[in-house]
Amino acid sequence: MAENFIHNSIMQNTQDLNVSRLANAWAELQHHANEGSPLNADAYRLAFADPEFLLRRETRGLRMQLEMLKPELEMQALGIENTIVVFGSARFAAPEDALRIQQAAIASGDAEAIAAAAQKMHNAQYYEQARQFSRLVAGYGARKPSKERLYICTGGGPGIMEAANRGAHDLGALTVGLNIALPHEQSGNPYVSPSLNFKFHYFALRKMHFMMRAKALVAFPGGMGTMDELFEVLTLVQTRKAKPVPIVLFGVDYWKRLINFDVMLEEGTISKEDLALFTYTDDPQVAWHTIKTFYQLG
């Protein structure tokens, strides 16, 4: 049965002039996946069609190359050349969801649940503002040729990432999600364009893809991941390993309470010029105006 399946698959592919014959190497693996059959080690298997070989420690460099190349080719094919990267907490709920949570908490009478729900309602403002900002970007792109458009790019997850993808999706724009494989179950949010919904294993490769096309960064309030991504960009720009781009810290009170850059300046760990690497705002229109002014966009 297996031999007939493989033979038929190969014959079908070789009769299609548009299909590379190299794809035939996957016929046997596809059969094992479809049938749930165990995949035994096989020295005779083609190297690129051997998952055990590709997952060895020694082939890590190859996996990193592939993880770099796959999104690059897909984005090139769709004309994604310039992006605005939006970071922020994955824990912030949409206003409608936050309201439902608050109503349920009040009905329960649980003081802790009520307090947590109140915090969610407060943070839901950032979700809506991220969505509004992305609508502004997508609205601008809708009036421009594809090569002049700016596309929203996020980490592809929930919270602020979902809000930013959602804002672009509202206007029918393509929107990018660079998701990461984590120990807990995670998948791309429903507003990422399916053809631009990428999953990464390596954080380093994911961050490279964030920066390769980024023409601006807008960082909403967030946790450890947001801090990591923000300071990665600040460091690259400060050290001139990356070209200067607008860096907008959205949520003035949050960022000024969280990071006291003046202390760094007073202690001599940064220069006065470094404070000009970023701006603060609480207004989606101001965030978009900052980017438009930087690039003199009409």
Protein backbone atom coordinates (compact mmCIF):
# COMPACT_ATOMS: atom_id res chain seq x y z
CA MET A 1 0.00 0.00 0.00
CA ALA A 2 2.78 2.43 0.97
CA GLU A 3 4.68 1.61 -2.23
CA ASN A 4 1.58 2.31 -4.37
CA PHE A 5 0.98 5.63 -2.59
CA ILE A 6 4.56 6.77 -3.13
CA HIS A 7 4.57 5.59 -6.76
CA ASN A 8 1.30 7.41 -7.52
CA SER A 9 2.51 10.59 -5.81
CA ILE A 10 5.74 10.59 -7.79
CA MET A 11 3.96 9.91 -11.08
CA GLN A 12 1.46 12.67 -10.43
CA ASN A 13 4.21 15.20 -9.63
CA THR A 14 6.48 14.27 -12.54
CA GLN A 15 3.59 14.75 -14.98
CA ASP A 16 3.15 18.35 -13.76
CA LEU A 17 5.79 20.51 -15.42
CA ASN A 18 5.30 23.26 -12.83
CA VAL A 19 6.22 21.08 -9.87
CA SER A 20 9.86 20.61 -8.95
CA ARG A 21 10.93 16.96 -8.92
CA LEU A 22 12.70 17.62 -5.64
CA ALA A 23 9.28 17.78 -4.03
CA ASN A 24 8.92 14.06 -4.69
CA ALA A 25 11.28 13.42 -1.81
CA TRP A 26 8.48 14.42 0.55
CA ALA A 27 6.03 11.82 -0.74
CA GLU A 28 7.11 9.17 1.73
CA LEU A 29 7.15 11.60 4.65
CA GLN A 30 3.69 12.84 3.70
CA HIS A 31 2.42 9.30 3.67
CA HIS A 32 3.80 8.65 7.16
CA ALA A 33 2.19 11.85 8.43
CA ASN A 34 -1.18 11.09 6.84
CA GLU A 35 -1.25 7.51 8.03
CA GLY A 36 0.25 8.15 11.45
CA SER A 37 2.92 5.57 10.74
CA PRO A 38 6.20 5.58 12.71
CA LEU A 39 9.15 7.08 10.88
CA ASN A 40 12.17 4.85 11.26
CA ALA A 41 15.72 6.15 10.92
CA ASP A 42 16.95 5.68 7.37
CA ALA A 43 20.50 6.44 6.26
CA TYR A 44 19.39 6.19 2.62
CA ARG A 45 16.80 8.98 2.98
CA LEU A 46 17.65 12.25 1.17
CA ALA A 47 19.27 14.63 3.66
CA PHE A 48 16.81 17.52 3.16
CA ALA A 49 13.86 15.12 3.51
CA ASP A 50 15.17 13.60 6.74
CA PRO A 51 13.62 15.33 9.78
CA GLU A 52 15.81 13.45 12.27
CA PHE A 53 18.89 14.73 10.48
CA LEU A 54 17.59 18.30 10.23
CA LEU A 55 16.81 18.35 13.96
CA ARG A 56 20.27 17.27 15.07
CA ARG A 57 22.38 19.67 17.11
CA GLU A 58 24.98 19.77 14.34
CA THR A 59 22.47 21.05 11.79
CA ARG A 60 21.33 24.02 13.87
CA GLY A 61 23.04 26.41 11.46
CA LEU A 62 20.98 25.02 8.60
CA ARG A 63 17.77 25.45 10.55
CA MET A 64 18.69 29.05 11.31
CA GLN A 65 19.38 29.69 7.63
CA LEU A 66 16.01 28.22 6.68
CA GLU A 67 14.23 30.26 9.33
CA MET A 68 15.89 33.36 7.93
CA LEU A 69 15.11 32.52 4.32
CA LYS A 70 11.49 31.36 4.40
CA PRO A 71 9.87 34.62 5.63
CA GLU A 72 12.26 36.62 3.45
CA LEU A 73 11.11 34.89 0.27
CA GLU A 74 7.43 35.06 1.17
CA MET A 75 7.56 38.76 2.01
CA GLN A 76 9.50 39.54 -1.15
CA ALA A 77 6.85 37.73 -3.17
CA LEU A 78 4.10 39.90 -1.66
CA GLY A 79 6.03 43.15 -1.93
CA ILE A 80 6.47 43.70 1.80
CA GLU A 81 9.45 46.07 1.83
CA ASN A 82 8.64 48.64 4.54
CA THR A 83 7.03 47.91 7.89
CA ILE A 84 6.06 49.68 11.08
CA VAL A 85 6.67 47.34 13.98
CA VAL A 86 4.25 47.50 16.90
CA PHE A 87 5.23 45.93 20.23
CA GLY A 88 3.25 45.69 23.47
CA SER A 89 1.68 43.44 26.05
CA ALA A 90 0.02 40.21 25.01
CA ARG A 91 -2.19 40.46 28.12
CA PHE A 92 -4.28 43.50 27.20
CA ALA A 93 -7.86 42.68 26.22
CA ALA A 94 -10.06 44.32 23.62
CA PRO A 95 -12.52 46.81 25.21
CA GLU A 96 -15.51 44.57 24.51
CA ASP A 97 -13.78 41.60 26.14
CA ALA A 98 -12.61 43.66 29.10
CA LEU A 99 -16.17 44.88 29.64
CA ARG A 100 -17.53 41.31 29.70
CA ILE A 101 -14.86 40.31 32.21
CA GLN A 102 -15.70 43.28 34.41
CA GLN A 103 -19.43 42.56 34.33
CA ALA A 104 -18.82 38.92 35.28
CA ALA A 105 -16.49 39.97 38.10
CA ILE A 106 -19.01 42.43 39.52
CA ALA A 107 -21.71 39.78 39.35
CA SER A 108 -19.49 37.35 41.27
CA GLY A 109 -18.83 39.80 44.08
CA ASP A 110 -15.20 38.62 44.29
CA ALA A 111 -13.07 41.60 45.34
CA GLU A 112 -9.88 40.29 43.71
CA ALA A 113 -11.68 39.52 40.46
CA ILE A 114 -13.25 42.99 40.47
CA ALA A 115 -9.84 44.64 40.97
CA ALA A 116 -8.25 42.56 38.21
CA ALA A 117 -11.14 43.36 35.88
CA ALA A 118 -10.77 47.09 36.60
CA GLN A 119 -7.12 46.85 35.56
CA LYS A 120 -8.13 45.10 32.35
CA MET A 121 -10.60 47.87 31.60
CA HIS A 122 -7.86 50.45 32.15
CA ASN A 123 -5.42 48.65 29.86
CA ALA A 124 -8.06 48.10 27.17
CA GLN A 125 -7.53 51.74 26.17
CA TYR A 126 -4.12 50.75 24.78
CA TYR A 127 -5.69 48.00 22.69
CA GLU A 128 -8.06 50.48 21.10
CA GLN A 129 -5.30 53.05 20.56
CA ALA A 130 -3.06 50.47 18.88
CA ARG A 131 -5.94 49.56 16.60
CA GLN A 132 -6.55 53.22 15.76
CA PHE A 133 -2.87 53.78 15.00
CA SER A 134 -2.76 50.86 12.59
CA ARG A 135 -5.86 52.11 10.82
CA LEU A 136 -4.03 55.38 10.16
CA VAL A 137 -1.08 53.51 8.67
CA ALA A 138 -3.29 51.26 6.56
CA GLY A 139 -5.37 54.21 5.38
CA TYR A 140 -2.24 55.95 4.16
CA GLY A 141 -1.06 52.79 2.38
CA ALA A 142 -4.38 52.33 0.62
CA ARG A 143 -3.74 55.55 -1.30
CA LYS A 144 -0.18 54.66 -2.31
CA PRO A 145 1.48 52.28 -4.79
CA SER A 146 2.53 49.01 -3.18
CA LYS A 147 6.22 49.97 -3.02
CA GLU A 148 5.40 53.10 -1.02
CA ARG A 149 3.15 51.40 1.51
CA LEU A 150 4.01 50.85 5.13
CA TYR A 151 2.77 47.54 6.52
CA ILE A 152 1.98 46.78 10.13
CA CYS A 153 4.20 44.06 11.59
CA THR A 154 3.77 42.55 15.06
CA GLY A 155 4.75 39.48 17.03
CA GLY A 156 1.53 37.93 15.82
CA GLY A 157 0.13 37.11 19.26
CA PRO A 158 -2.78 38.45 21.33
CA GLY A 159 -3.16 41.78 23.13
CA ILE A 160 -1.48 44.81 21.57
CA MET A 161 -0.19 42.65 18.73
CA GLU A 162 -3.71 41.54 17.88
CA ALA A 163 -4.96 45.13 18.11
CA ALA A 164 -2.35 46.42 15.67
CA ASN A 165 -2.95 43.63 13.17
CA ARG A 166 -6.67 44.15 13.59
CA GLY A 167 -6.49 47.85 12.76
CA ALA A 168 -4.77 47.13 9.43
CA HIS A 169 -7.12 44.21 8.78
CA ASP A 170 -10.10 46.54 9.30
CA LEU A 171 -9.08 48.37 6.12
CA GLY A 172 -8.25 45.24 4.14
CA ALA A 173 -4.49 45.77 4.29
CA LEU A 174 -1.92 42.99 4.40
CA THR A 175 -0.52 42.64 7.91
CA VAL A 176 2.49 40.67 9.15
CA GLY A 177 2.80 38.43 12.22
CA LEU A 178 6.13 37.01 13.40
CA ASN A 179 5.07 34.47 16.00
CA ILE A 180 7.35 32.44 18.26
CA ALA A 181 7.08 28.83 19.38
CA LEU A 182 6.71 28.83 23.18
CA PRO A 183 6.23 26.08 25.78
CA HIS A 184 2.59 27.11 26.21
CA GLU A 185 0.27 26.82 23.25
CA GLN A 186 0.26 29.90 21.03
CA SER A 187 -0.86 30.63 17.50
CA GLY A 188 -1.14 33.69 15.32
CA ASN A 189 -4.02 36.05 16.04
CA PRO A 190 -6.88 35.96 13.50
CA TYR A 191 -6.04 39.36 12.01
CA VAL A 192 -2.64 38.42 10.59
CA SER A 193 -2.75 37.83 6.84
CA PRO A 194 -2.50 34.02 6.43
CA SER A 195 0.28 34.30 3.84
CA LEU A 196 2.28 36.51 6.24
CA ASN A 197 1.75 34.51 9.42
CA PHE A 198 5.20 33.14 10.30
CA LYS A 199 6.30 30.98 13.19
CA PHE A 200 9.85 31.08 14.56
CA HIS A 201 11.85 28.85 16.84
CA TYR A 202 14.79 31.23 17.32
CA PHE A 203 14.18 34.58 19.00
CA ALA A 204 17.31 35.98 17.33
CA LEU A 205 16.03 35.25 13.82
CA ARG A 206 12.63 36.63 14.67
CA LYS A 207 14.16 39.89 15.90
CA MET A 208 16.28 40.14 12.75
CA HIS A 209 13.11 39.96 10.67
CA PHE A 210 11.52 42.67 12.81
CA MET A 211 14.40 45.03 12.02
CA MET A 212 15.17 44.13 8.39
CA ARG A 213 12.18 46.09 7.03
CA ALA A 214 11.30 48.30 10.00
CA LYS A 215 10.90 51.96 9.19
CA ALA A 216 9.57 52.75 12.66
CA LEU A 217 8.90 51.15 16.04
CA VAL A 218 5.88 51.91 18.22
CA ALA A 219 6.18 50.37 21.68
CA PHE A 220 3.03 50.19 23.79
CA PRO A 221 3.15 49.23 27.48
CA GLY A 222 4.36 45.68 27.86
CA GLY A 223 6.37 43.24 29.90
CA MET A 224 9.68 41.41 29.59
CA GLY A 225 9.29 40.63 25.90
CA THR A 226 8.48 44.24 25.05
CA MET A 227 11.50 45.45 27.07
CA ASP A 228 13.75 43.00 25.24
CA GLU A 229 12.52 44.09 21.83
CA LEU A 230 12.59 47.81 22.66
CA PHE A 231 16.15 47.82 23.97
CA GLU A 232 17.30 45.65 21.08
CA VAL A 233 16.16 48.38 18.68
CA LEU A 234 17.48 51.23 20.84
CA THR A 235 20.88 49.55 21.05
CA LEU A 236 21.09 48.89 17.32
CA VAL A 237 20.24 52.51 16.50
CA GLN A 238 22.46 53.95 19.25
CA THR A 239 25.46 51.93 18.06
CA ARG A 240 24.65 52.68 14.40
CA LYS A 241 24.29 49.00 13.58
CA ALA A 242 20.89 50.01 12.21
CA LYS A 243 19.76 53.16 10.45
CA PRO A 244 17.92 55.75 12.58
CA VAL A 245 14.17 55.10 12.68
CA PRO A 246 11.38 56.78 14.65
CA ILE A 247 10.94 55.05 18.01
CA VAL A 248 7.69 56.00 19.71
CA LEU A 249 6.95 55.07 23.32
CA PHE A 250 3.17 55.03 23.53
CA GLY A 251 1.78 55.59 27.03
CA VAL A 252 3.72 58.47 28.59
CA ASP A 253 2.91 57.74 32.24
CA TYR A 254 3.74 54.05 31.91
CA TRP A 255 7.10 54.52 30.22
CA LYS A 256 8.26 57.43 32.39
CA ARG A 257 7.42 55.55 35.56
CA LEU A 258 8.98 52.32 34.30
CA ILE A 259 12.26 53.64 32.84
CA ASN A 260 14.03 56.69 34.20
CA PHE A 261 16.36 57.54 31.35
CA ASP A 262 17.40 60.70 33.20
CA VAL A 263 19.11 58.55 35.83
CA MET A 264 21.13 56.88 33.07
CA LEU A 265 22.10 60.32 31.79
CA GLU A 266 23.01 61.59 35.29
CA GLU A 267 25.15 58.53 35.93
CA GLY A 268 26.92 58.90 32.59
CA THR A 269 25.77 55.58 31.14
CA ILE A 270 24.18 57.25 28.12
CA SER A 271 24.75 60.53 26.30
CA LYS A 272 22.33 63.45 26.05
CA GLU A 273 21.97 62.70 22.34
CA ASP A 274 20.61 59.25 23.18
CA LEU A 275 17.47 60.82 24.63
CA ALA A 276 16.61 61.99 21.12
CA LEU A 277 16.39 58.39 19.90
CA PHE A 278 12.75 58.15 21.03
CA THR A 279 9.64 60.20 21.66
CA TYR A 280 6.63 59.82 23.97
CA THR A 281 2.95 60.15 23.15
CA ASP A 282 -0.55 59.16 24.22
CA ASP A 283 -2.17 59.93 20.88
CA PRO A 284 -2.32 57.62 17.81
CA GLN A 285 -2.45 60.67 15.54
CA VAL A 286 0.74 62.08 17.08
CA ALA A 287 2.50 58.72 16.76
CA TRP A 288 1.63 58.57 13.06
CA HIS A 289 2.52 62.25 12.54
CA THR A 290 5.96 61.60 14.09
CA ILE A 291 6.63 58.89 11.53
CA LYS A 292 5.24 60.88 8.62
CA THR A 293 7.37 63.90 9.58
CA PHE A 294 10.54 61.81 9.88
CA TYR A 295 10.13 60.50 6.33
CA GLN A 296 8.42 63.62 4.94
CA LEU A 297 5.44 61.59 3.81
CA GLY A 298 2.63 63.37 2.03
